[in-house]
N, C-alpha and C. Protein backbone atom coordinates (compact mmCIF):
# COMPACT_ATOMS: atom_id res chain seq x y z
N MET A 1 44.89 55.73 -171.43
CA MET A 1 43.89 55.02 -170.83
C MET A 1 43.35 56.05 -169.83
N SER A 2 42.03 56.28 -170.01
CA SER A 2 41.64 57.17 -168.76
C SER A 2 41.67 56.53 -167.36
N THR A 3 41.70 57.00 -166.36
CA THR A 3 41.79 56.69 -164.94
C THR A 3 40.33 56.89 -164.17
N PRO A 4 39.61 55.84 -163.85
CA PRO A 4 38.51 56.31 -163.22
C PRO A 4 38.42 57.07 -162.00
N ALA A 5 37.66 57.88 -162.02
CA ALA A 5 37.56 59.02 -161.00
C ALA A 5 37.29 58.64 -159.63
N ARG A 6 36.49 57.48 -159.49
CA ARG A 6 36.18 57.04 -158.32
C ARG A 6 36.81 55.70 -157.76
N VAL A 7 37.04 55.40 -156.74
CA VAL A 7 37.56 54.21 -156.29
C VAL A 7 36.81 53.25 -155.09
N SER A 8 36.52 52.12 -155.36
CA SER A 8 35.82 51.48 -154.46
C SER A 8 36.16 51.42 -152.89
N PRO A 9 35.53 51.64 -152.00
CA PRO A 9 35.94 51.25 -150.44
C PRO A 9 36.59 49.98 -150.22
N LEU A 10 36.38 49.10 -151.14
CA LEU A 10 36.73 47.59 -151.23
C LEU A 10 38.05 47.12 -151.86
N SER A 11 38.30 48.29 -152.63
CA SER A 11 39.54 47.97 -153.63
C SER A 11 40.65 47.25 -153.20
N ASP A 12 41.25 47.66 -151.76
CA ASP A 12 42.39 47.36 -151.22
C ASP A 12 42.31 45.64 -150.99
N ALA A 13 41.28 45.58 -150.36
CA ALA A 13 40.93 44.35 -150.09
C ALA A 13 40.62 43.12 -151.05
N GLN A 14 40.24 43.69 -152.37
CA GLN A 14 39.80 42.74 -153.47
C GLN A 14 41.07 42.43 -154.37
N THR A 15 42.10 43.57 -154.38
CA THR A 15 43.01 43.57 -155.23
C THR A 15 43.59 42.20 -155.53
N PRO A 16 44.09 41.65 -154.33
CA PRO A 16 44.79 40.32 -154.34
C PRO A 16 44.29 39.34 -155.02
N GLU A 17 43.01 39.26 -155.13
CA GLU A 17 42.35 38.21 -155.75
C GLU A 17 41.53 38.34 -157.13
N ALA A 18 41.77 39.64 -157.37
CA ALA A 18 41.03 39.85 -158.74
C ALA A 18 42.14 39.52 -160.04
N THR A 19 41.46 39.10 -161.04
CA THR A 19 42.03 38.80 -162.24
C THR A 19 41.67 39.76 -163.11
N ARG A 20 40.32 40.37 -163.37
CA ARG A 20 40.19 41.45 -164.40
C ARG A 20 39.30 42.50 -163.71
N TRP A 21 39.25 43.54 -164.31
CA TRP A 21 38.66 44.57 -163.86
C TRP A 21 37.71 45.41 -165.19
N ILE A 22 36.86 46.02 -164.59
CA ILE A 22 36.03 46.81 -165.63
C ILE A 22 35.76 48.16 -165.07
N ASP A 23 35.42 49.11 -165.93
CA ASP A 23 35.01 50.71 -165.18
C ASP A 23 33.47 50.59 -165.13
N LEU A 24 32.95 51.12 -164.21
CA LEU A 24 31.45 51.06 -164.25
C LEU A 24 31.09 52.24 -163.33
N GLU A 25 30.41 53.36 -163.97
CA GLU A 25 30.12 54.65 -163.43
C GLU A 25 31.49 55.19 -162.88
N GLN A 26 32.49 55.33 -163.81
CA GLN A 26 33.67 55.89 -163.55
C GLN A 26 34.23 55.31 -162.17
N MET A 27 33.86 54.11 -161.86
CA MET A 27 34.95 53.38 -160.64
C MET A 27 35.19 51.99 -161.28
N ARG A 28 36.59 51.90 -161.05
CA ARG A 28 37.22 50.37 -161.28
C ARG A 28 36.40 49.25 -160.35
N VAL A 29 35.88 48.29 -161.15
CA VAL A 29 35.09 47.28 -160.46
C VAL A 29 35.70 46.06 -160.60
N VAL A 30 35.81 45.00 -159.86
CA VAL A 30 36.44 43.51 -160.23
C VAL A 30 35.40 42.61 -161.09
N ALA A 31 36.03 42.69 -162.30
CA ALA A 31 34.90 41.54 -163.16
C ALA A 31 34.97 40.20 -162.87
N ALA A 32 36.05 39.65 -162.37
CA ALA A 32 36.26 38.23 -161.91
C ALA A 32 37.44 38.06 -160.76
N PHE A 33 37.23 37.34 -159.90
CA PHE A 33 38.25 37.02 -159.28
C PHE A 33 38.65 35.52 -159.43
N ARG A 34 39.89 35.40 -158.92
CA ARG A 34 40.79 34.28 -158.94
C ARG A 34 40.25 32.98 -158.48
N GLN A 35 39.99 32.06 -159.11
CA GLN A 35 39.37 30.82 -158.61
C GLN A 35 37.95 30.92 -158.37
N GLU A 36 37.63 31.89 -159.20
CA GLU A 36 36.02 32.05 -158.90
C GLU A 36 35.12 30.81 -159.58
N LEU A 37 34.39 30.21 -158.86
CA LEU A 37 33.62 29.17 -159.42
C LEU A 37 32.14 29.37 -159.42
N VAL A 38 31.28 28.48 -159.81
CA VAL A 38 29.82 28.81 -159.67
C VAL A 38 29.49 28.44 -158.26
N ALA A 39 30.05 28.08 -157.57
CA ALA A 39 29.62 27.49 -156.13
C ALA A 39 29.00 28.52 -155.26
N PRO A 40 29.78 29.63 -155.37
CA PRO A 40 29.25 30.63 -154.20
C PRO A 40 27.74 30.94 -154.61
N LEU A 41 27.42 31.22 -156.05
CA LEU A 41 26.12 31.45 -156.25
C LEU A 41 25.10 30.28 -156.01
N GLU A 42 25.59 29.02 -155.57
CA GLU A 42 24.72 28.02 -155.32
C GLU A 42 24.78 27.97 -153.61
N THR A 43 25.59 28.62 -153.07
CA THR A 43 25.55 28.53 -151.38
C THR A 43 25.51 30.24 -151.24
N VAL A 44 26.58 30.70 -150.92
CA VAL A 44 26.25 32.29 -150.45
C VAL A 44 27.39 33.13 -151.17
N ALA A 45 26.99 34.07 -152.11
CA ALA A 45 27.85 34.86 -152.76
C ALA A 45 27.74 36.29 -152.35
N ILE A 46 29.18 36.70 -152.36
CA ILE A 46 29.18 38.40 -151.91
C ILE A 46 29.69 39.26 -153.02
N GLY A 47 28.85 40.13 -153.55
CA GLY A 47 29.15 41.08 -154.41
C GLY A 47 29.32 42.57 -154.15
N ASP A 48 29.99 43.34 -155.15
CA ASP A 48 30.35 44.71 -154.45
C ASP A 48 29.50 45.58 -155.61
N LEU A 49 28.57 46.46 -155.10
CA LEU A 49 27.96 47.06 -155.84
C LEU A 49 28.16 48.68 -155.27
N SER A 50 29.18 49.00 -154.81
CA SER A 50 29.72 50.29 -154.38
C SER A 50 29.65 51.39 -155.56
N PHE A 51 29.84 50.91 -156.74
CA PHE A 51 29.84 51.75 -158.02
C PHE A 51 28.59 52.64 -158.28
N ARG A 52 27.39 51.95 -157.74
CA ARG A 52 26.15 52.76 -157.85
C ARG A 52 26.13 53.94 -157.30
N ARG A 53 25.88 55.00 -158.14
CA ARG A 53 25.70 56.37 -157.53
C ARG A 53 24.48 56.47 -156.47
N ARG A 54 24.74 57.23 -155.33
CA ARG A 54 23.89 57.34 -154.34
C ARG A 54 23.82 58.84 -153.75
N ALA A 55 22.66 59.21 -153.25
CA ALA A 55 22.63 60.28 -152.88
C ALA A 55 21.63 60.37 -151.55
N GLY A 56 21.25 61.50 -150.67
CA GLY A 56 20.44 61.16 -149.80
C GLY A 56 20.00 62.92 -149.26
N VAL A 57 18.87 62.58 -148.63
CA VAL A 57 18.21 63.91 -148.12
C VAL A 57 17.28 63.63 -146.63
N LYS A 58 17.34 64.27 -145.99
CA LYS A 58 16.63 64.30 -144.74
C LYS A 58 15.97 65.49 -144.23
N GLY A 59 15.20 65.42 -143.17
CA GLY A 59 14.24 66.54 -143.03
C GLY A 59 12.93 66.68 -143.26
N PRO A 60 12.04 67.34 -142.46
CA PRO A 60 10.70 67.21 -142.45
C PRO A 60 9.80 67.50 -143.89
N GLY A 61 10.70 68.25 -144.66
CA GLY A 61 10.30 68.49 -146.24
C GLY A 61 10.80 67.55 -147.20
N ALA A 62 11.67 66.59 -146.75
CA ALA A 62 12.22 65.74 -147.55
C ALA A 62 11.31 64.94 -148.54
N ALA A 63 10.71 64.21 -148.10
CA ALA A 63 9.45 63.36 -148.79
C ALA A 63 8.86 64.20 -149.80
N ALA A 64 8.37 65.32 -148.97
CA ALA A 64 7.41 66.24 -150.12
C ALA A 64 8.66 66.88 -151.27
N ALA A 65 9.67 67.07 -151.23
CA ALA A 65 10.74 67.55 -152.24
C ALA A 65 11.10 66.36 -153.17
N LEU A 66 11.11 65.30 -152.49
CA LEU A 66 11.60 64.25 -153.48
C LEU A 66 10.19 63.65 -154.37
N ASN A 67 9.03 63.81 -153.74
CA ASN A 67 7.72 63.57 -154.74
C ASN A 67 7.59 64.53 -155.57
N ALA A 68 8.04 65.85 -155.32
CA ALA A 68 7.76 66.82 -156.23
C ALA A 68 8.81 67.10 -157.47
N ALA A 69 9.97 66.12 -157.55
CA ALA A 69 10.96 65.61 -158.26
C ALA A 69 10.44 64.58 -158.95
N GLY A 70 9.54 63.89 -158.65
CA GLY A 70 8.87 62.61 -159.34
C GLY A 70 9.36 61.58 -158.80
N ILE A 71 9.97 61.58 -157.55
CA ILE A 71 10.33 60.24 -157.15
C ILE A 71 9.52 59.91 -155.54
N SER A 72 8.92 58.83 -156.24
CA SER A 72 7.94 58.11 -154.94
C SER A 72 8.99 57.83 -153.73
N THR A 73 8.14 57.89 -152.74
CA THR A 73 9.05 57.49 -151.42
C THR A 73 7.88 56.27 -150.61
N PRO A 74 8.82 55.52 -149.91
CA PRO A 74 8.00 54.34 -149.05
C PRO A 74 7.05 55.13 -147.95
N PRO A 75 5.92 54.47 -147.82
CA PRO A 75 4.93 54.98 -146.90
C PRO A 75 5.36 54.87 -145.39
N GLN A 76 6.31 53.93 -145.08
CA GLN A 76 6.74 53.66 -143.63
C GLN A 76 8.13 53.63 -143.72
N PRO A 77 8.57 54.03 -142.37
CA PRO A 77 10.21 53.88 -141.98
C PRO A 77 10.41 52.67 -142.26
N ASN A 78 12.03 52.13 -142.44
CA ASN A 78 12.40 50.85 -142.62
C ASN A 78 11.92 50.19 -143.79
N GLN A 79 11.51 51.07 -145.21
CA GLN A 79 11.28 50.36 -146.03
C GLN A 79 12.06 50.90 -147.18
N TRP A 80 11.66 50.26 -148.60
CA TRP A 80 12.56 50.64 -149.75
C TRP A 80 11.28 50.58 -150.87
N CYS A 81 11.54 51.27 -151.98
CA CYS A 81 10.59 50.89 -153.17
C CYS A 81 11.74 51.43 -154.35
N ILE A 82 11.02 50.98 -155.68
CA ILE A 82 11.73 51.41 -156.72
C ILE A 82 11.06 52.52 -157.31
N SER A 83 11.75 53.56 -157.80
CA SER A 83 10.94 54.83 -158.33
C SER A 83 12.11 55.63 -159.38
N GLU A 84 11.64 55.96 -160.49
CA GLU A 84 12.62 56.56 -161.44
C GLU A 84 13.87 55.85 -161.38
N GLY A 85 14.10 54.75 -161.76
CA GLY A 85 15.09 54.10 -161.81
C GLY A 85 16.07 54.11 -160.42
N ALA A 86 15.63 54.38 -159.36
CA ALA A 86 16.45 54.29 -158.04
C ALA A 86 15.69 53.43 -157.35
N LEU A 87 16.71 52.83 -156.10
CA LEU A 87 16.06 52.06 -155.09
C LEU A 87 16.03 53.26 -154.08
N VAL A 88 14.72 53.90 -153.54
CA VAL A 88 14.53 54.76 -152.43
C VAL A 88 14.41 53.89 -151.28
N ALA A 89 15.40 54.44 -150.10
CA ALA A 89 14.91 53.67 -149.03
C ALA A 89 14.71 54.57 -147.87
N ARG A 90 13.73 54.67 -147.03
CA ARG A 90 13.51 55.35 -146.05
C ARG A 90 14.25 54.80 -144.52
N LEU A 91 15.16 55.57 -144.43
CA LEU A 91 15.80 55.11 -143.38
C LEU A 91 15.29 55.50 -141.73
N GLY A 92 14.52 56.25 -141.70
CA GLY A 92 13.69 56.65 -140.48
C GLY A 92 12.49 57.48 -140.74
N LEU A 93 11.99 58.46 -140.02
CA LEU A 93 11.00 59.09 -140.28
C LEU A 93 11.06 60.21 -141.56
N THR A 94 12.18 60.84 -141.53
CA THR A 94 12.51 61.68 -142.50
C THR A 94 13.68 61.84 -143.25
N GLU A 95 14.39 60.60 -143.15
CA GLU A 95 15.62 60.31 -144.13
C GLU A 95 15.37 59.47 -145.16
N TYR A 96 16.26 59.49 -146.27
CA TYR A 96 16.07 58.75 -147.42
C TYR A 96 17.49 58.62 -148.07
N LEU A 97 17.61 57.65 -148.57
CA LEU A 97 18.87 57.03 -149.44
C LEU A 97 18.32 56.77 -150.53
N ILE A 98 18.92 57.25 -151.91
CA ILE A 98 18.74 57.16 -153.19
C ILE A 98 19.70 56.68 -153.90
N GLU A 99 19.59 55.44 -154.53
CA GLU A 99 20.54 54.76 -155.14
C GLU A 99 20.07 54.19 -156.62
N GLN A 100 21.03 54.72 -157.63
CA GLN A 100 20.79 54.27 -158.74
C GLN A 100 20.68 52.97 -159.02
N HIS A 101 19.69 52.47 -159.67
CA HIS A 101 19.11 51.06 -159.95
C HIS A 101 19.04 50.68 -161.28
N SER A 102 19.05 51.72 -162.30
CA SER A 102 19.02 51.22 -163.92
C SER A 102 19.53 52.59 -164.33
N THR A 103 19.49 52.63 -165.81
CA THR A 103 19.93 53.74 -166.65
C THR A 103 19.41 55.14 -166.30
N ALA A 104 18.03 55.09 -165.74
CA ALA A 104 17.41 56.28 -165.55
C ALA A 104 18.32 57.00 -164.27
N ASP A 105 18.15 58.18 -164.11
CA ASP A 105 18.98 58.93 -163.40
C ASP A 105 18.34 59.47 -162.19
N ALA A 106 17.74 59.08 -161.20
CA ALA A 106 17.05 59.74 -160.11
C ALA A 106 18.02 60.53 -159.36
N VAL A 107 19.14 60.00 -159.11
CA VAL A 107 20.37 60.35 -158.34
C VAL A 107 20.62 61.87 -158.64
N SER A 108 20.79 62.00 -159.95
CA SER A 108 21.00 63.38 -160.50
C SER A 108 19.83 64.34 -160.10
N LEU A 109 18.48 63.88 -160.09
CA LEU A 109 17.42 64.62 -159.65
C LEU A 109 17.85 65.24 -158.60
N VAL A 110 18.05 64.12 -157.78
CA VAL A 110 18.05 64.84 -156.13
C VAL A 110 19.23 65.70 -155.84
N LEU A 111 20.29 65.42 -156.60
CA LEU A 111 21.43 66.34 -156.50
C LEU A 111 21.09 67.78 -157.07
N THR A 112 20.31 67.64 -157.97
CA THR A 112 19.89 69.04 -158.39
C THR A 112 18.46 69.68 -158.02
N MET A 113 17.91 68.73 -156.98
CA MET A 113 16.67 69.79 -156.39
C MET A 113 17.25 71.16 -156.28
N ALA A 114 16.14 71.92 -156.14
CA ALA A 114 16.36 73.24 -155.95
C ALA A 114 16.16 73.15 -154.25
N ALA A 115 16.90 74.37 -153.52
CA ALA A 115 17.08 74.26 -152.00
C ALA A 115 15.47 74.54 -151.41
N ALA A 116 15.26 73.82 -150.46
CA ALA A 116 13.77 73.88 -149.91
C ALA A 116 14.00 74.02 -148.56
N ALA A 117 12.96 74.65 -147.94
CA ALA A 117 12.91 74.56 -146.40
C ALA A 117 12.57 73.13 -145.79
N ASP A 118 13.41 72.91 -144.65
CA ASP A 118 13.33 71.63 -143.95
C ASP A 118 13.92 70.50 -144.92
N VAL A 119 14.80 70.59 -145.83
CA VAL A 119 15.50 69.74 -146.64
C VAL A 119 16.85 69.70 -146.57
N TYR A 120 17.53 68.84 -146.29
CA TYR A 120 19.04 68.85 -146.02
C TYR A 120 19.57 67.68 -146.72
N PRO A 121 20.80 68.18 -147.29
CA PRO A 121 21.50 66.98 -148.36
C PRO A 121 22.32 65.96 -147.18
N VAL A 122 22.33 64.70 -147.63
CA VAL A 122 23.04 64.07 -146.70
C VAL A 122 24.08 63.10 -147.69
N PRO A 123 25.01 63.63 -147.82
CA PRO A 123 26.28 62.87 -148.62
C PRO A 123 26.51 61.34 -148.35
N HIS A 124 26.59 60.74 -149.28
CA HIS A 124 26.86 59.06 -149.29
C HIS A 124 28.12 58.66 -149.94
N TYR A 125 28.95 58.12 -149.04
CA TYR A 125 30.40 57.42 -149.66
C TYR A 125 30.46 56.16 -149.09
N ASP A 126 29.13 55.65 -149.31
CA ASP A 126 28.93 54.11 -148.81
C ASP A 126 29.98 53.19 -149.47
N ALA A 127 30.13 51.92 -148.69
CA ALA A 127 30.44 50.60 -149.37
C ALA A 127 29.18 49.98 -149.39
N ALA A 128 29.02 49.32 -150.76
CA ALA A 128 27.58 48.67 -150.91
C ALA A 128 27.87 47.02 -151.46
N LEU A 129 27.33 46.31 -150.83
CA LEU A 129 27.37 44.83 -150.90
C LEU A 129 25.89 44.09 -151.42
N ILE A 130 26.14 43.23 -151.95
CA ILE A 130 24.98 42.23 -152.41
C ILE A 130 25.29 40.80 -151.68
N ILE A 131 24.50 40.26 -150.94
CA ILE A 131 24.66 39.10 -150.38
C ILE A 131 23.58 38.14 -150.60
N MET A 132 23.86 37.15 -151.79
CA MET A 132 22.78 36.11 -152.21
C MET A 132 23.27 35.01 -152.21
N GLY A 133 22.22 34.14 -152.44
CA GLY A 133 22.53 32.57 -152.40
C GLY A 133 21.42 31.96 -151.59
N PRO A 134 21.29 30.38 -151.69
CA PRO A 134 20.21 29.98 -150.64
C PRO A 134 20.48 29.97 -149.14
N LEU A 135 22.25 30.30 -148.91
CA LEU A 135 22.68 30.32 -147.44
C LEU A 135 22.71 31.83 -147.10
N ALA A 136 22.39 32.99 -147.66
CA ALA A 136 22.84 34.27 -147.33
C ALA A 136 22.10 34.52 -146.04
N ALA A 137 20.93 34.06 -145.77
CA ALA A 137 20.49 34.66 -144.29
C ALA A 137 21.05 33.59 -143.34
N ASP A 138 21.74 32.56 -143.40
CA ASP A 138 22.59 31.83 -142.30
C ASP A 138 23.88 32.82 -142.33
N LEU A 139 24.48 33.47 -143.39
CA LEU A 139 26.00 34.23 -143.25
C LEU A 139 25.46 35.11 -142.27
N PHE A 140 24.26 36.07 -142.26
CA PHE A 140 23.69 37.07 -141.52
C PHE A 140 23.64 36.62 -140.07
N ARG A 141 23.20 35.03 -140.05
CA ARG A 141 23.03 34.54 -138.42
C ARG A 141 24.28 34.34 -137.85
N GLN A 142 25.27 34.33 -138.64
CA GLN A 142 26.64 34.50 -137.72
C GLN A 142 27.35 35.70 -137.53
N THR A 143 26.71 36.73 -138.06
CA THR A 143 27.49 38.09 -138.02
C THR A 143 26.48 39.18 -137.66
N CYS A 144 25.29 38.79 -137.28
CA CYS A 144 24.15 40.04 -136.99
C CYS A 144 23.22 39.55 -136.11
N SER A 145 22.41 40.20 -135.07
CA SER A 145 21.72 39.93 -134.29
C SER A 145 20.09 39.78 -134.81
N VAL A 146 20.13 40.47 -136.10
CA VAL A 146 18.59 40.30 -136.80
C VAL A 146 18.52 39.09 -137.54
N ASP A 147 17.61 38.15 -137.50
CA ASP A 147 17.24 37.22 -138.53
C ASP A 147 16.74 37.75 -139.74
N MET A 148 17.66 37.93 -140.64
CA MET A 148 17.16 38.41 -141.94
C MET A 148 16.14 37.67 -142.78
N ALA A 149 15.93 36.40 -142.59
CA ALA A 149 14.95 35.74 -143.29
C ALA A 149 13.64 35.92 -142.90
N THR A 150 13.42 36.78 -141.66
CA THR A 150 12.30 37.45 -141.29
C THR A 150 11.96 38.54 -142.14
N LEU A 151 12.70 39.25 -142.87
CA LEU A 151 12.51 40.42 -143.79
C LEU A 151 11.78 40.13 -145.06
N ASP A 152 10.75 40.84 -145.36
CA ASP A 152 9.88 40.24 -146.59
C ASP A 152 10.35 41.19 -147.71
N ALA A 153 10.85 40.75 -148.61
CA ALA A 153 11.46 41.15 -149.62
C ALA A 153 10.48 41.90 -150.46
N HIS A 154 9.44 41.29 -150.54
CA HIS A 154 8.13 41.81 -151.40
C HIS A 154 7.57 43.22 -150.85
N GLN A 155 7.52 43.05 -149.69
CA GLN A 155 7.07 44.30 -148.95
C GLN A 155 8.26 45.53 -148.68
N GLY A 156 9.42 45.20 -149.29
CA GLY A 156 10.38 46.25 -149.15
C GLY A 156 10.88 46.46 -147.77
N ALA A 157 10.95 45.29 -147.06
CA ALA A 157 11.79 45.53 -145.71
C ALA A 157 13.11 45.79 -145.68
N LEU A 158 13.61 46.57 -144.85
CA LEU A 158 14.91 47.03 -144.36
C LEU A 158 15.02 47.16 -143.08
N VAL A 159 16.58 47.19 -142.40
CA VAL A 159 16.74 46.93 -141.02
C VAL A 159 18.08 47.93 -140.96
N LEU A 160 18.05 48.78 -139.90
CA LEU A 160 19.24 49.44 -139.42
C LEU A 160 19.97 48.57 -138.42
N THR A 161 21.04 47.99 -138.47
CA THR A 161 21.46 47.17 -137.59
C THR A 161 23.14 47.03 -137.52
N SER A 162 23.80 46.14 -136.85
CA SER A 162 25.07 46.10 -136.97
C SER A 162 25.48 44.73 -137.42
N VAL A 163 26.49 44.39 -138.27
CA VAL A 163 26.97 43.33 -138.89
C VAL A 163 28.85 43.43 -138.61
N VAL A 164 29.03 42.37 -138.07
CA VAL A 164 30.37 42.17 -137.52
C VAL A 164 30.95 43.56 -136.90
N GLY A 165 29.91 43.93 -136.05
CA GLY A 165 30.30 44.97 -135.08
C GLY A 165 30.19 46.35 -135.90
N VAL A 166 29.90 46.56 -137.12
CA VAL A 166 29.79 47.62 -138.03
C VAL A 166 28.63 48.21 -138.48
N GLY A 167 27.96 49.33 -138.00
CA GLY A 167 26.70 50.00 -138.34
C GLY A 167 26.49 49.62 -139.82
N ALA A 168 25.23 49.22 -140.00
CA ALA A 168 24.97 49.12 -141.54
C ALA A 168 23.37 48.93 -141.70
N THR A 169 23.09 49.13 -143.02
CA THR A 169 21.56 49.30 -143.51
C THR A 169 21.73 47.94 -144.46
N VAL A 170 20.59 47.16 -144.05
CA VAL A 170 20.52 45.83 -144.91
C VAL A 170 18.87 45.92 -145.28
N ALA A 171 18.68 45.56 -146.71
CA ALA A 171 17.65 45.63 -147.31
C ALA A 171 17.44 44.23 -148.01
N ALA A 172 16.13 43.38 -147.64
CA ALA A 172 15.85 42.31 -148.28
C ALA A 172 15.35 42.90 -149.65
N THR A 173 15.83 42.42 -150.92
CA THR A 173 15.09 42.68 -152.20
C THR A 173 15.11 41.31 -153.10
N THR A 174 14.52 41.28 -154.27
CA THR A 174 14.05 40.29 -155.15
C THR A 174 15.20 40.64 -156.37
N THR A 175 15.67 39.47 -156.91
CA THR A 175 16.57 39.44 -158.14
C THR A 175 16.13 38.08 -158.70
N ALA A 176 16.72 38.05 -160.00
CA ALA A 176 16.13 36.85 -161.03
C ALA A 176 16.63 35.69 -160.25
N ALA A 177 17.48 35.76 -159.20
CA ALA A 177 17.99 34.34 -158.76
C ALA A 177 17.37 34.31 -156.99
N GLY A 178 16.26 35.08 -156.97
CA GLY A 178 15.69 34.95 -155.71
C GLY A 178 15.98 36.09 -154.65
N VAL A 179 15.66 35.90 -153.60
CA VAL A 179 16.04 36.93 -152.43
C VAL A 179 17.59 37.16 -152.25
N ALA A 180 17.75 38.50 -152.09
CA ALA A 180 19.15 38.80 -151.86
C ALA A 180 19.10 39.91 -151.20
N TYR A 181 20.22 40.11 -150.49
CA TYR A 181 20.38 41.22 -149.27
C TYR A 181 21.23 42.34 -149.76
N ARG A 182 20.72 43.64 -149.71
CA ARG A 182 21.79 44.59 -150.08
C ARG A 182 22.14 45.11 -148.87
N MET A 183 23.34 45.56 -148.63
CA MET A 183 23.88 46.13 -147.41
C MET A 183 24.87 47.35 -147.96
N TRP A 184 24.60 48.43 -147.02
CA TRP A 184 25.29 49.93 -147.14
C TRP A 184 25.97 49.89 -145.60
N PHE A 185 27.19 50.52 -145.71
CA PHE A 185 27.96 50.65 -144.39
C PHE A 185 28.91 51.82 -144.77
N ASP A 186 29.59 52.43 -143.83
CA ASP A 186 30.49 53.37 -143.69
C ASP A 186 31.82 52.69 -144.32
N GLY A 187 32.06 53.27 -145.79
CA GLY A 187 33.55 53.00 -146.68
C GLY A 187 34.71 52.77 -145.84
N THR A 188 34.77 53.45 -144.93
CA THR A 188 36.02 53.25 -144.11
C THR A 188 36.36 51.92 -143.60
N TYR A 189 35.32 51.14 -143.29
CA TYR A 189 35.34 49.55 -143.03
C TYR A 189 35.40 48.57 -143.84
N GLY A 190 35.32 49.08 -145.34
CA GLY A 190 35.34 48.43 -146.43
C GLY A 190 36.11 47.25 -146.55
N SER A 191 37.38 47.31 -145.98
CA SER A 191 38.38 45.98 -146.24
C SER A 191 37.88 45.03 -145.00
N TYR A 192 37.73 45.74 -143.90
CA TYR A 192 37.41 44.67 -142.78
C TYR A 192 36.10 43.95 -143.08
N MET A 193 35.07 44.71 -143.51
CA MET A 193 33.93 43.82 -143.75
C MET A 193 34.09 42.88 -144.97
N TRP A 194 34.67 43.17 -146.03
CA TRP A 194 34.81 42.53 -147.04
C TRP A 194 35.49 41.23 -146.72
N GLU A 195 36.88 41.54 -146.23
CA GLU A 195 37.56 40.16 -145.63
C GLU A 195 36.94 39.37 -144.66
N THR A 196 36.27 40.07 -143.82
CA THR A 196 35.42 39.35 -142.89
C THR A 196 34.38 38.28 -143.31
N LEU A 197 33.54 38.82 -144.22
CA LEU A 197 32.25 38.36 -144.69
C LEU A 197 32.75 37.32 -145.79
N CYS A 198 33.83 37.54 -146.49
CA CYS A 198 34.26 36.55 -147.66
C CYS A 198 35.05 35.33 -146.78
N GLU A 199 35.46 35.40 -145.76
CA GLU A 199 36.21 34.47 -145.12
C GLU A 199 35.24 33.70 -144.47
N ILE A 200 33.93 34.30 -144.01
CA ILE A 200 32.93 33.41 -143.38
C ILE A 200 31.93 32.45 -144.58
N ALA A 201 31.82 33.31 -145.61
CA ALA A 201 31.20 33.13 -147.15
C ALA A 201 32.18 31.52 -147.42
N HIS A 202 33.47 31.88 -147.45
CA HIS A 202 34.26 30.64 -147.86
C HIS A 202 34.11 29.45 -147.05
N ASP A 203 34.03 29.63 -145.81
CA ASP A 203 33.63 28.59 -144.79
C ASP A 203 32.51 27.73 -144.93
N MET A 204 31.35 28.50 -145.69
CA MET A 204 30.15 27.97 -146.09
C MET A 204 30.17 27.29 -147.24
N GLY A 205 31.36 27.60 -147.83
CA GLY A 205 31.34 26.90 -149.62
C GLY A 205 31.10 28.15 -150.47
N GLY A 206 31.05 29.15 -150.12
CA GLY A 206 30.76 30.15 -151.08
C GLY A 206 31.67 31.04 -151.16
N GLY A 207 31.73 32.40 -151.37
CA GLY A 207 32.71 33.51 -151.45
C GLY A 207 32.43 34.81 -152.30
N ALA A 208 33.42 35.30 -152.80
CA ALA A 208 33.28 36.46 -153.51
C ALA A 208 33.05 36.14 -155.11
N VAL A 209 32.07 37.10 -155.48
CA VAL A 209 31.90 36.95 -157.01
C VAL A 209 31.97 38.25 -157.69
N GLY A 210 32.37 38.13 -158.81
CA GLY A 210 33.02 39.44 -159.74
C GLY A 210 31.51 40.00 -160.64
N TYR A 211 31.74 41.10 -161.07
CA TYR A 211 30.50 41.70 -161.69
C TYR A 211 29.94 40.84 -162.98
N ASP A 212 31.05 40.06 -163.56
CA ASP A 212 30.41 39.40 -164.74
C ASP A 212 29.46 38.37 -164.25
N SER A 213 29.70 37.65 -163.19
CA SER A 213 28.83 36.58 -162.54
C SER A 213 27.62 37.35 -161.93
N LEU A 214 27.75 38.26 -161.32
CA LEU A 214 26.76 38.87 -160.42
C LEU A 214 25.85 39.75 -161.37
N SER A 215 26.18 40.32 -162.43
CA SER A 215 25.20 40.88 -163.23
C SER A 215 24.17 39.86 -163.78
N GLN A 216 24.65 38.64 -164.07
CA GLN A 216 23.41 37.80 -164.86
C GLN A 216 22.60 37.33 -163.88
N ARG A 217 22.78 37.52 -162.36
CA ARG A 217 21.90 37.40 -161.55
C ARG A 217 21.02 38.34 -160.99
N LEU A 218 21.50 39.69 -161.13
CA LEU A 218 20.66 40.98 -160.54
C LEU A 218 19.04 40.94 -161.20
N GLY A 219 19.20 40.56 -162.66
CA GLY A 219 17.57 40.69 -163.17
C GLY A 219 17.49 42.46 -163.02
C-alpha cells in the first residue's frame, strides 16, 4: 500500500482518538473518531480540512496575475470568493490565499503561473479547520476577541485575528448545514490548537468530527 506524501499538521493530536483513516489529496485524514456521535454537529463540531491544497501570491501585480489566469479576486481586503473551484481569500491589500474547493484545480493554475513583475509566491503549509454548528460562534467568544457572529458569510467576510493566542485567519462561510467558520493558522501550532479547541467544544457538548460526517455537511 502506498504511503501518503503529505501529513496533516494535526495528525499527532488526532491519532489517539482516530478509529479509521482515508487518503485525500495524498494526505492521511481521519474518517471517524472514537465515540463520535451526532451531538457535535448539533452543538459545535471541529473538522480538519488541512488536506485541501493551497497556494498564495502577493504583491502589487498579484490581482492582475490571478485575473489573467482566470481566477477572480475579492474587491476588498478581508473578503473571500469562490472562483475556478477554489476559495480565494484576500488577506490584505495585495496578498491572496487560494485553496482548492472542488475538483477544479485553481491551485495548480497559481503554482504554474508565469513569473511576472510585482508578483511573489507565498508558500502555504497551514493547518486548516472548519468549525460549525449552532454554538460555533460561542466557541470563538471563549477563544478570540472578535465576535464571529458579526461576520457576514454571504458577503465573504474574513478576519485576521488571534485564537487561543495563535495568529489565525477566520472566514465565515456557508454550508449545507448553515454558517461555518474556516480557520487557517501556522501548522506548527496544530496539536496545541486542535487539543485546546476540542477540549472547549467537548465542554460545550460538541467535539471533533471525522471526514465521513463532515463531508455530508459541507455541501
